[in-house]
Structures are given as structure tokens and as C-alpha cells.
Amino acid sequence: AAVSGLSGLESGAQQWWRGWEHQGEPLLASNQINITAITGQTVTLPCRVSNLRDKTLSWIRTRDLTVLAVDLIKVSTDTRIRVVHNEGTEEWVLEIRNVVSEDSGRYECQVNTH
């Protein structure tokens, strides 16, 4: 069975950050990606953010507003979840191993600012 979900790389609340890059504020990629995974496989949900600096990046599962991770720190007790980030890159990836149909839904990465 296929597990289908939507990775929202920028929530509506953060869209106003676009265009502020010249001020050194965080800038999230604005595209949304539909990802389909096969049950039991690993799915990776990408998030690209520039100028993160001292801000934190959170991964949220929107169906229940669960915070899954903050930066590289996993908040969720789900052992299948982790965040991958290579130092010096703008790419943050939420990885869910052994996906099941209950994982379907929308996931967002958010930058926490004032």
C-alpha cells in the first residue's frame, strides 16, 4: 500500500518572510512537495532554509499539531523519526523509517522567530 503525504516547506504564517533575505532574516523555500512512499520504506521530507543563524527550525505534523523535532533534537517519542542536516548546507530533512498508512498527511518545517 502506498502512503501519501504533503510536505509543506513553508506554512502560510511564514510566507511573509520571503523577500526579507536582504535583511538577514530566515528565508524558507516556498514550494510544497507531494511525496508518496511504499509502506515499510523510508521517506525523506526536505526543507530548505537560508539565513537560519541563531533561529530554530521545527518539524510539525499538522493533523494533530505535533512537534516532531526542533533543529536536530527529536521531540517525538517515535523512534522511526530523525532529522538529518549536513553542516554548512541549507537542507534539513525529516526522515521517517518504516512508514505506515497512519503517517499520511501534511508535514511542515517552520522557523521560530519573534
C-alpha atoms as a PDB file:
ATOM      1  CA  ALA A   1       0.000   0.000   0.000  1.00  0.00           C
ATOM      2  CA  ALA A   2       1.183   3.499  -0.691  1.00  0.00           C
ATOM      3  CA  VAL A   3       1.462   6.210   1.932  1.00  0.00           C
ATOM      4  CA  SER A   4       0.786   9.634   0.522  1.00  0.00           C
ATOM      5  CA  GLY A   5       1.565  12.907   2.234  1.00  0.00           C
ATOM      6  CA  LEU A   6       2.268  16.555   1.668  1.00  0.00           C
ATOM      7  CA  SER A   7       5.439  18.173   2.899  1.00  0.00           C
ATOM      8  CA  GLY A   8       4.680  21.865   3.397  1.00  0.00           C
ATOM      9  CA  LEU A   9       8.021  23.596   3.209  1.00  0.00           C
ATOM     10  CA  GLU A  10       6.569  26.898   4.284  1.00  0.00           C
ATOM     11  CA  SER A  11       3.376  27.481   6.205  1.00  0.00           C
ATOM     12  CA  GLY A  12       1.155  30.424   5.367  1.00  0.00           C
ATOM     13  CA  ALA A  13       2.243  32.176   8.549  1.00  0.00           C
ATOM     14  CA  GLN A  14       5.838  32.249   7.378  1.00  0.00           C
ATOM     15  CA  GLN A  15       5.283  33.309   3.771  1.00  0.00           C
ATOM     16  CA  TRP A  16       5.800  36.953   4.633  1.00  0.00           C
ATOM     17  CA  TRP A  17       9.488  36.185   5.277  1.00  0.00           C
ATOM     18  CA  ARG A  18      10.023  35.858   1.545  1.00  0.00           C
ATOM     19  CA  GLY A  19      11.809  38.891   0.177  1.00  0.00           C
ATOM     20  CA  TRP A  20      13.422  39.713   3.531  1.00  0.00           C
ATOM     21  CA  GLU A  21      16.635  37.842   2.758  1.00  0.00           C
ATOM     22  CA  HIS A  22      18.474  41.123   2.230  1.00  0.00           C
ATOM     23  CA  GLN A  23      17.768  41.932   5.893  1.00  0.00           C
ATOM     24  CA  GLY A  24      19.395  38.695   7.013  1.00  0.00           C
ATOM     25  CA  GLU A  25      16.122  37.152   8.152  1.00  0.00           C
ATOM     26  CA  PRO A  26      15.460  33.421   7.691  1.00  0.00           C
ATOM     27  CA  LEU A  27      14.084  32.506   4.286  1.00  0.00           C
ATOM     28  CA  LEU A  28      12.142  29.262   3.802  1.00  0.00           C
ATOM     29  CA  ALA A  29      11.666  27.681   0.407  1.00  0.00           C
ATOM     30  CA  SER A  30       8.062  28.308  -0.533  1.00  0.00           C
ATOM     31  CA  ASN A  31       7.260  25.188  -2.511  1.00  0.00           C
ATOM     32  CA  GLN A  32       5.161  22.280  -1.329  1.00  0.00           C
ATOM     33  CA  ILE A  33       6.036  18.744  -2.373  1.00  0.00           C
ATOM     34  CA  ASN A  34       3.767  15.732  -2.684  1.00  0.00           C
ATOM     35  CA  ILE A  35       5.640  12.596  -1.674  1.00  0.00           C
ATOM     36  CA  THR A  36       4.392   9.031  -1.996  1.00  0.00           C
ATOM     37  CA  ALA A  37       6.110   6.216  -0.137  1.00  0.00           C
ATOM     38  CA  ILE A  38       5.648   2.472  -0.025  1.00  0.00           C
ATOM     39  CA  THR A  39       4.598   1.026   3.331  1.00  0.00           C
ATOM     40  CA  GLY A  40       7.673  -0.169   5.209  1.00  0.00           C
ATOM     41  CA  GLN A  41      10.115   2.057   3.335  1.00  0.00           C
ATOM     42  CA  THR A  42      11.902   5.202   4.500  1.00  0.00           C
ATOM     43  CA  VAL A  43      10.553   8.560   3.381  1.00  0.00           C
ATOM     44  CA  THR A  44      12.548  11.801   3.446  1.00  0.00           C
ATOM     45  CA  LEU A  45      10.841  15.192   3.553  1.00  0.00           C
ATOM     46  CA  PRO A  46      13.170  18.056   2.562  1.00  0.00           C
ATOM     47  CA  CYS A  47      13.171  21.603   3.889  1.00  0.00           C
ATOM     48  CA  ARG A  48      15.449  24.354   2.606  1.00  0.00           C
ATOM     49  CA  VAL A  49      16.079  27.441   4.706  1.00  0.00           C
ATOM     50  CA  SER A  50      18.725  30.135   4.326  1.00  0.00           C
ATOM     51  CA  ASN A  51      19.957  32.589   6.963  1.00  0.00           C
ATOM     52  CA  LEU A  52      18.788  30.373   9.809  1.00  0.00           C
ATOM     53  CA  ARG A  53      21.621  31.625  12.031  1.00  0.00           C
ATOM     54  CA  ASP A  54      20.518  31.531  15.705  1.00  0.00           C
ATOM     55  CA  LYS A  55      16.876  30.693  14.906  1.00  0.00           C
ATOM     56  CA  THR A  56      15.442  27.213  15.341  1.00  0.00           C
ATOM     57  CA  LEU A  57      13.764  25.023  12.776  1.00  0.00           C
ATOM     58  CA  SER A  58      10.838  22.836  13.830  1.00  0.00           C
ATOM     59  CA  TRP A  59       9.101  19.973  12.057  1.00  0.00           C
ATOM     60  CA  ILE A  60       5.337  19.834  12.710  1.00  0.00           C
ATOM     61  CA  ARG A  61       2.813  17.127  11.810  1.00  0.00           C
ATOM     62  CA  THR A  62      -0.199  19.310  11.066  1.00  0.00           C
ATOM     63  CA  ARG A  63      -3.039  16.798  11.535  1.00  0.00           C
ATOM     64  CA  ASP A  64      -2.503  16.850  15.312  1.00  0.00           C
ATOM     65  CA  LEU A  65      -0.105  19.825  15.565  1.00  0.00           C
ATOM     66  CA  THR A  66       2.579  17.554  16.991  1.00  0.00           C
ATOM     67  CA  VAL A  67       6.101  18.963  17.144  1.00  0.00           C
ATOM     68  CA  LEU A  68       8.330  16.177  15.864  1.00  0.00           C
ATOM     69  CA  ALA A  69      11.733  17.829  16.136  1.00  0.00           C
ATOM     70  CA  VAL A  70      13.467  21.113  16.870  1.00  0.00           C
ATOM     71  CA  ASP A  71      16.698  21.557  14.932  1.00  0.00           C
ATOM     72  CA  LEU A  72      18.384  18.151  15.272  1.00  0.00           C
ATOM     73  CA  ILE A  73      16.677  17.349  18.571  1.00  0.00           C
ATOM     74  CA  LYS A  74      13.882  14.830  18.197  1.00  0.00           C
ATOM     75  CA  VAL A  75      10.899  15.743  20.380  1.00  0.00           C
ATOM     76  CA  SER A  76       8.667  12.900  19.251  1.00  0.00           C
ATOM     77  CA  THR A  77       8.915   9.578  21.078  1.00  0.00           C
ATOM     78  CA  ASP A  78       8.555   7.826  17.713  1.00  0.00           C
ATOM     79  CA  THR A  79      11.861   6.012  17.203  1.00  0.00           C
ATOM     80  CA  ARG A  80      11.310   5.938  13.421  1.00  0.00           C
ATOM     81  CA  ILE A  81      11.791   9.700  13.126  1.00  0.00           C
ATOM     82  CA  ARG A  82      15.013  11.692  12.844  1.00  0.00           C
ATOM     83  CA  VAL A  83      16.261  14.938  11.314  1.00  0.00           C
ATOM     84  CA  VAL A  84      19.295  14.983   9.051  1.00  0.00           C
ATOM     85  CA  HIS A  85      21.288  18.155   8.394  1.00  0.00           C
ATOM     86  CA  ASN A  86      24.764  18.444   6.905  1.00  0.00           C
ATOM     87  CA  GLU A  87      26.670  21.318   8.500  1.00  0.00           C
ATOM     88  CA  GLY A  88      27.038  24.277   6.167  1.00  0.00           C
ATOM     89  CA  THR A  89      24.067  23.370   3.966  1.00  0.00           C
ATOM     90  CA  GLU A  90      20.573  24.866   3.797  1.00  0.00           C
ATOM     91  CA  GLU A  91      18.886  21.457   3.615  1.00  0.00           C
ATOM     92  CA  TRP A  92      17.081  19.949   6.607  1.00  0.00           C
ATOM     93  CA  VAL A  93      15.445  16.557   6.085  1.00  0.00           C
ATOM     94  CA  LEU A  94      12.788  14.862   8.177  1.00  0.00           C
ATOM     95  CA  GLU A  95      13.249  11.112   7.842  1.00  0.00           C
ATOM     96  CA  ILE A  96      10.515   8.618   8.742  1.00  0.00           C
ATOM     97  CA  ARG A  97      11.576   4.969   8.628  1.00  0.00           C
ATOM     98  CA  ASN A  98       9.190   2.041   8.166  1.00  0.00           C
ATOM     99  CA  VAL A  99       6.296   4.269   7.105  1.00  0.00           C
ATOM    100  CA  VAL A 100       2.733   3.138   7.742  1.00  0.00           C
ATOM    101  CA  SER A 101      -0.561   4.461   6.393  1.00  0.00           C
ATOM    102  CA  GLU A 102      -1.100   6.431   9.616  1.00  0.00           C
ATOM    103  CA  ASP A 103       1.891   8.597   8.649  1.00  0.00           C
ATOM    104  CA  SER A 104      -0.075  10.082   5.743  1.00  0.00           C
ATOM    105  CA  GLY A 105      -0.772  13.780   5.965  1.00  0.00           C
ATOM    106  CA  ARG A 106       0.843  17.176   5.865  1.00  0.00           C
ATOM    107  CA  TYR A 107       4.202  17.963   7.461  1.00  0.00           C
ATOM    108  CA  GLU A 108       5.641  21.450   7.797  1.00  0.00           C
ATOM    109  CA  CYS A 109       9.002  22.852   8.662  1.00  0.00           C
ATOM    110  CA  GLN A 110       8.793  26.177  10.458  1.00  0.00           C
ATOM    111  CA  VAL A 111      11.346  28.740  11.533  1.00  0.00           C
ATOM    112  CA  ASN A 112      10.728  30.000  15.045  1.00  0.00           C
ATOM    113  CA  THR A 113      11.267  33.737  15.235  1.00  0.00           C
ATOM    114  CA  HIS A 114       9.812  36.612  17.169  1.00  0.00           C
END
